[in-house]
Protein backbone atom coordinates (compact mmCIF):
# COMPACT_ATOMS: atom_id res chain seq x y z
CA UNK A 1 30.64 -26.83 -3.94
CA UNK A 2 33.90 -25.10 -4.91
CA UNK A 3 32.84 -21.35 -4.99
CA UNK A 4 35.36 -20.48 -7.87
CA UNK A 5 33.56 -22.93 -9.85
CA UNK A 6 29.64 -21.92 -9.03
CA UNK A 7 29.10 -19.05 -11.45
CA UNK A 8 30.18 -21.34 -14.21
CA UNK A 9 27.51 -23.89 -13.08
CA UNK A 10 24.94 -21.37 -12.62
CA UNK A 11 25.56 -20.19 -16.09
CA UNK A 12 25.40 -23.83 -17.62
CA UNK A 13 21.97 -24.41 -15.77
CA UNK A 14 20.62 -21.34 -17.18
CA UNK A 15 21.45 -22.14 -20.64
CA UNK A 16 19.78 -25.70 -20.04
CA UNK A 17 16.53 -24.04 -19.06
CA UNK A 18 16.68 -24.27 -15.41
CA UNK A 19 14.95 -21.55 -13.88
CA UNK A 20 16.52 -18.52 -13.27
CA UNK A 21 17.82 -17.53 -9.74
CA UNK A 22 17.09 -14.16 -7.93
CA UNK A 23 19.81 -11.54 -8.02
CA UNK A 24 20.53 -12.31 -4.30
CA UNK A 25 20.97 -15.78 -5.03
CA UNK A 26 24.50 -15.24 -6.51
CA UNK A 27 25.58 -13.11 -3.63
CA UNK A 28 27.01 -16.61 -2.31
CA UNK A 29 29.72 -16.15 -5.07
CA UNK A 30 31.25 -13.42 -2.57
CA UNK A 31 29.85 -15.14 0.48
CA UNK A 32 30.89 -18.87 0.21
CA UNK A 33 31.29 -19.43 4.09
CA UNK A 34 28.23 -17.35 5.21
CA UNK A 35 24.73 -18.67 5.24
CA UNK A 36 23.28 -15.22 5.00
CA UNK A 37 19.54 -16.38 4.64
CA UNK A 38 19.75 -18.54 7.75
CA UNK A 39 21.10 -15.68 9.85
CA UNK A 40 18.62 -13.13 8.63
CA UNK A 41 15.92 -15.78 9.32
CA UNK A 42 16.97 -16.05 12.91
CA UNK A 43 17.13 -12.08 13.26
CA UNK A 44 13.69 -11.65 11.92
CA UNK A 45 12.24 -14.33 14.19
CA UNK A 46 13.75 -12.87 17.42
CA UNK A 47 12.86 -8.98 16.38
CA UNK A 48 9.49 -10.58 16.09
CA UNK A 49 9.60 -12.00 19.44
CA UNK A 50 10.84 -8.84 21.04
CA UNK A 51 7.95 -6.80 19.44
CA UNK A 52 5.47 -9.17 20.87
CA UNK A 53 6.81 -9.00 24.29
CA UNK A 54 6.63 -5.32 24.29
CA UNK A 55 2.88 -5.25 23.19
CA UNK A 56 2.32 -7.38 25.96
CA UNK A 57 4.17 -5.26 28.29
CA UNK A 58 2.23 -1.83 27.06
CA UNK A 59 -1.01 -3.70 27.71
CA UNK A 60 -0.33 -4.53 31.27
CA UNK A 61 1.03 -0.63 31.67
CA UNK A 62 -2.36 0.70 30.20
CA UNK A 63 -4.43 -1.55 32.34
CA UNK A 64 -2.59 -1.01 35.59
CA UNK A 65 -3.06 2.84 34.64
CA UNK A 66 -6.77 2.38 33.82
CA UNK A 67 -6.77 0.45 37.19
CA UNK A 68 -5.42 3.36 39.10
CA UNK A 69 -7.53 5.94 37.53
CA UNK A 70 -10.92 3.53 38.02
CA UNK A 71 -10.19 2.99 41.78
CA UNK A 72 -9.92 5.23 44.67
CA UNK A 73 -8.37 4.70 48.20
CA UNK A 74 -5.58 1.83 48.99
CA UNK A 75 -6.52 -0.12 45.44
CA UNK A 76 -5.69 2.87 43.47
CA UNK A 77 -2.40 3.37 45.28
CA UNK A 78 -1.17 0.05 44.92
CA UNK A 79 -1.89 -0.16 41.35
CA UNK A 80 -0.44 3.51 40.81
CA UNK A 81 2.77 1.79 42.70
CA UNK A 82 2.98 -1.45 40.35
CA UNK A 83 2.51 0.92 37.56
CA UNK A 84 5.32 3.04 38.61
CA UNK A 85 7.47 0.27 39.26
CA UNK A 86 6.67 -1.23 35.61
CA UNK A 87 7.09 1.77 33.83
CA UNK A 88 10.56 2.21 35.64
CA UNK A 89 11.71 -1.81 34.55
CA UNK A 90 10.16 -0.82 31.01
CA UNK A 91 12.99 1.65 30.48
CA UNK A 92 15.68 -1.14 30.90
CA UNK A 93 13.68 -3.84 29.14
CA UNK A 94 13.60 -1.38 25.95
CA UNK A 95 17.35 -0.82 26.48
CA UNK A 96 17.60 -4.68 26.44
CA UNK A 97 15.41 -5.05 23.32
CA UNK A 98 17.53 -2.40 21.41
CA UNK A 99 20.94 -3.92 22.26
CA UNK A 100 19.66 -6.99 21.14
CA UNK A 101 18.63 -5.75 17.92
CA UNK A 102 22.02 -4.21 17.17
CA UNK A 103 23.87 -6.76 18.79
CA UNK A 104 22.71 -9.06 15.87
CA UNK A 105 22.17 -6.43 12.93
CA UNK A 106 25.89 -4.84 13.56
CA UNK A 107 27.69 -8.09 13.34
CA UNK A 108 26.11 -9.32 10.52
CA UNK A 109 26.70 -6.39 8.66
CA UNK A 110 30.44 -5.98 9.78
CA UNK A 111 30.75 -9.92 8.93
CA UNK A 112 29.24 -9.59 5.55
CA UNK A 113 31.28 -6.85 4.32
CA UNK A 114 34.43 -8.15 5.93
CA UNK A 115 34.08 -11.43 4.04
CA UNK A 116 33.04 -9.93 0.92
CA UNK A 117 35.97 -7.82 0.70
CA UNK A 118 38.49 -10.63 1.32
CA UNK A 119 36.69 -12.68 -1.32
CA UNK A 120 37.18 -9.83 -3.67
CA UNK A 121 40.81 -9.62 -2.86
CA UNK A 122 41.39 -13.15 -3.49
CA UNK A 123 39.16 -12.93 -6.58
CA UNK A 124 41.54 -10.27 -8.14
CA UNK A 125 44.66 -11.55 -7.26
CA UNK A 126 43.93 -14.77 -8.85
CA UNK A 127 43.12 -12.80 -12.13
CA UNK A 128 45.03 -11.12 -14.67
CA UNK A 129 42.90 -8.05 -14.52
CA UNK A 130 44.72 -5.22 -13.05
CA UNK A 131 42.85 -3.32 -9.76
CA UNK A 132 40.99 0.05 -10.09
CA UNK A 133 43.01 2.98 -9.96
CA UNK A 134 42.05 3.99 -6.59
CA UNK A 135 44.49 5.15 -3.60
CA UNK A 136 43.38 2.11 -1.51
CA UNK A 137 44.98 -0.40 -4.15
CA UNK A 138 48.55 1.53 -4.57
CA UNK A 139 50.43 0.04 -2.88
CA UNK A 140 48.41 -3.34 -2.05
CA UNK A 141 49.37 -4.36 1.42
CA UNK A 142 48.30 -6.40 4.46
CA UNK A 143 45.17 -4.54 5.10
CA UNK A 144 43.94 -3.45 1.88
CA UNK A 145 41.30 -5.58 2.08
CA UNK A 146 40.38 -5.43 5.62
CA UNK A 147 37.46 -2.96 5.78
CA UNK A 148 38.04 -2.45 9.50
CA UNK A 149 41.06 -0.23 8.71
CA UNK A 150 41.98 3.00 6.46
CA UNK A 151 45.06 4.20 5.15
CA UNK A 152 46.27 7.74 5.89
CA UNK A 153 48.29 10.16 3.95
CA UNK A 154 51.49 9.37 6.17
CA UNK A 155 51.30 5.72 5.23
CA UNK A 156 49.96 4.56 8.59
CA UNK A 157 46.60 2.58 9.04
CA UNK A 158 43.99 3.41 11.57
CA UNK A 159 40.55 1.66 12.47
CA UNK A 160 37.39 3.16 11.30
CA UNK A 161 34.73 0.61 10.06
CA UNK A 162 31.86 2.67 8.35
CA UNK A 163 34.64 4.76 6.22
CA UNK A 164 36.70 1.17 5.43
CA UNK A 165 33.53 -0.48 4.16
CA UNK A 166 32.30 2.75 1.95
CA UNK A 167 36.11 3.18 0.70
CA UNK A 168 36.34 -0.37 -0.48
CA UNK A 169 32.88 -0.26 -2.00
CA UNK A 170 33.96 3.05 -3.92
CA UNK A 171 37.38 1.46 -5.10
CA UNK A 172 35.81 -1.77 -6.44
CA UNK A 173 32.47 -0.15 -7.96
CA UNK A 174 30.60 -2.08 -5.22
CA UNK A 175 28.93 1.49 -4.31
CA UNK A 176 26.73 1.37 -7.29
CA UNK A 177 24.76 -1.55 -6.55
CA UNK A 178 24.08 -0.74 -2.89
CA UNK A 179 21.34 1.07 -1.12
CA UNK A 180 21.69 5.16 -1.14
CA UNK A 181 21.26 5.66 2.40
CA UNK A 182 23.42 2.46 3.39
CA UNK A 183 26.50 4.52 4.32
CA UNK A 184 24.52 7.12 6.82
CA UNK A 185 22.56 3.70 8.27
CA UNK A 186 25.87 1.94 9.18
CA UNK A 187 27.16 4.79 10.69
CA UNK A 188 24.45 4.99 12.96
CA UNK A 189 24.55 1.56 13.56
CA UNK A 190 28.07 0.79 14.31
CA UNK A 191 28.29 4.08 16.28
CA UNK A 192 25.15 2.97 18.69
CA UNK A 193 26.71 -0.40 18.66
CA UNK A 194 30.02 0.82 20.03
CA UNK A 195 28.19 2.93 22.72
CA UNK A 196 25.88 0.12 23.87
CA UNK A 197 28.67 -2.48 24.08
CA UNK A 198 31.40 -0.54 25.72
CA UNK A 199 28.81 1.34 28.26
CA UNK A 200 25.81 -0.96 28.92
CA UNK A 201 22.49 0.59 29.35
CA UNK A 202 23.26 3.59 31.00
CA UNK A 203 26.26 5.70 29.66
CA UNK A 204 28.59 8.28 31.13
CA UNK A 205 26.82 11.54 31.10
CA UNK A 206 29.58 13.09 28.54
CA UNK A 207 29.08 9.77 26.17
CA UNK A 208 25.26 10.18 26.11
CA UNK A 209 25.84 14.17 25.41
CA UNK A 210 28.23 13.53 22.39
CA UNK A 211 25.96 11.00 20.98
CA UNK A 212 22.78 12.94 21.22
CA UNK A 213 24.53 15.92 19.67
CA UNK A 214 25.62 13.57 16.93
CA UNK A 215 22.52 11.86 16.02
CA UNK A 216 20.86 15.45 15.93
CA UNK A 217 23.41 16.76 13.37
CA UNK A 218 24.00 13.61 11.22
CA UNK A 219 20.90 11.32 11.10
CA UNK A 220 17.16 11.64 10.76
CA UNK A 221 15.44 12.18 14.25
CA UNK A 222 12.89 9.16 13.85
CA UNK A 223 16.21 6.62 14.02
CA UNK A 224 16.84 7.22 17.69
CA UNK A 225 14.84 8.26 20.82
CA UNK A 226 15.85 8.70 24.29
CA UNK A 227 14.52 7.99 28.01
CA UNK A 228 15.28 11.48 29.96
CA UNK A 229 16.13 11.79 33.28
CA UNK A 230 15.95 15.45 34.91
CA UNK A 231 15.18 16.71 31.35
CA UNK A 232 18.57 15.43 30.11
CA UNK A 233 19.25 12.12 27.88
CA UNK A 234 19.35 9.05 29.95
CA UNK A 235 18.95 5.48 27.78
CA UNK A 236 18.98 5.79 23.79
CA UNK A 237 17.09 3.54 21.88
CA UNK A 238 16.78 2.48 18.33
CA UNK A 239 13.18 3.35 17.14
CA UNK A 240 11.61 0.09 15.86
CA UNK A 241 11.11 1.77 12.47
CA UNK A 242 15.35 2.32 12.32
CA UNK A 243 15.75 -1.47 13.00
CA UNK A 244 13.21 -2.52 10.41
CA UNK A 245 14.37 -0.30 7.50
CA UNK A 246 18.13 -1.70 8.43
CA UNK A 247 16.89 -5.01 7.83
CA UNK A 248 15.68 -3.99 4.73
CA UNK A 249 18.63 -2.33 3.97
CA UNK A 250 20.87 -5.35 4.38
CA UNK A 251 18.40 -7.34 2.46
CA UNK A 252 18.89 -4.89 -0.56
CA UNK A 253 22.93 -5.04 -0.04
CA UNK A 254 22.64 -9.08 -0.86
CA UNK A 255 20.53 -8.29 -4.00
CA UNK A 256 23.31 -5.61 -5.02
CA UNK A 257 26.34 -8.25 -4.33
CA UNK A 258 24.68 -10.88 -6.23
CA UNK A 259 24.44 -8.59 -9.35
CA UNK A 260 27.83 -7.42 -8.85
CA UNK A 261 29.07 -10.84 -8.15
CA UNK A 262 27.75 -12.00 -12.00
CA UNK A 263 29.00 -8.81 -13.53
CA UNK A 264 32.64 -9.11 -11.93
CA UNK A 265 32.95 -12.88 -12.50
CA UNK A 266 32.54 -11.95 -16.55
CA UNK A 267 34.97 -9.28 -16.13
CA UNK A 268 37.90 -11.19 -14.16
CA UNK A 269 37.40 -13.98 -16.58
CA UNK A 270 38.12 -11.99 -19.32
CA UNK A 271 41.41 -12.91 -21.22
């Protein structure tokens, strides 16, 4: 179906008494090439599988610890050795799960906003309605609608995805319908994604120090946790609550996009 005609079809169906859609359903007007619902289902299912695996591992560790404490001699030593090996292995398994989570959530958020803003640029270019008065749009250039880039005062562009997303959201009025904590959450999500994907599980010591310092200053303490070595940060993980709430926040983004899309369709269609 042609997305340019979809809003008109939705309005016609509503007039015929067809049940009203949920706000998030209208997000398809801005995301005609992205099956966001199917992607979210896949993400949720994989995260649920990881959570179950972590519960199984935790039970095994508890059983081995109890076995080591309840026996003496060789049996106790063997159980203790196995417990220590599994604890060490769990550090890396947790890191793998954390990387898998950020490897799904961050690209989903990045693709979602990139496609939304490219679509908005197309919609505005095809309408007679002038762009909002915002420095991002004066002048309009090749990178104007690409959220990966931000303009500098010297007329050049640099890469900064979280800032680019927020700048375009502010410029278009999209910010008003987005979750309030979204900007902080995206900065943390993309910041962690960059560290993990460039450095793997065990980052260089200076990278660990910088990220730990940034996290302590900019983000709630319950968003990340650390395995330590020698009392120093070693491996960083996203907390389960941060992953869960980030997924909810992205659901809220889709609801906001739906409301924004219908309002924008009316504004851009105005004579």
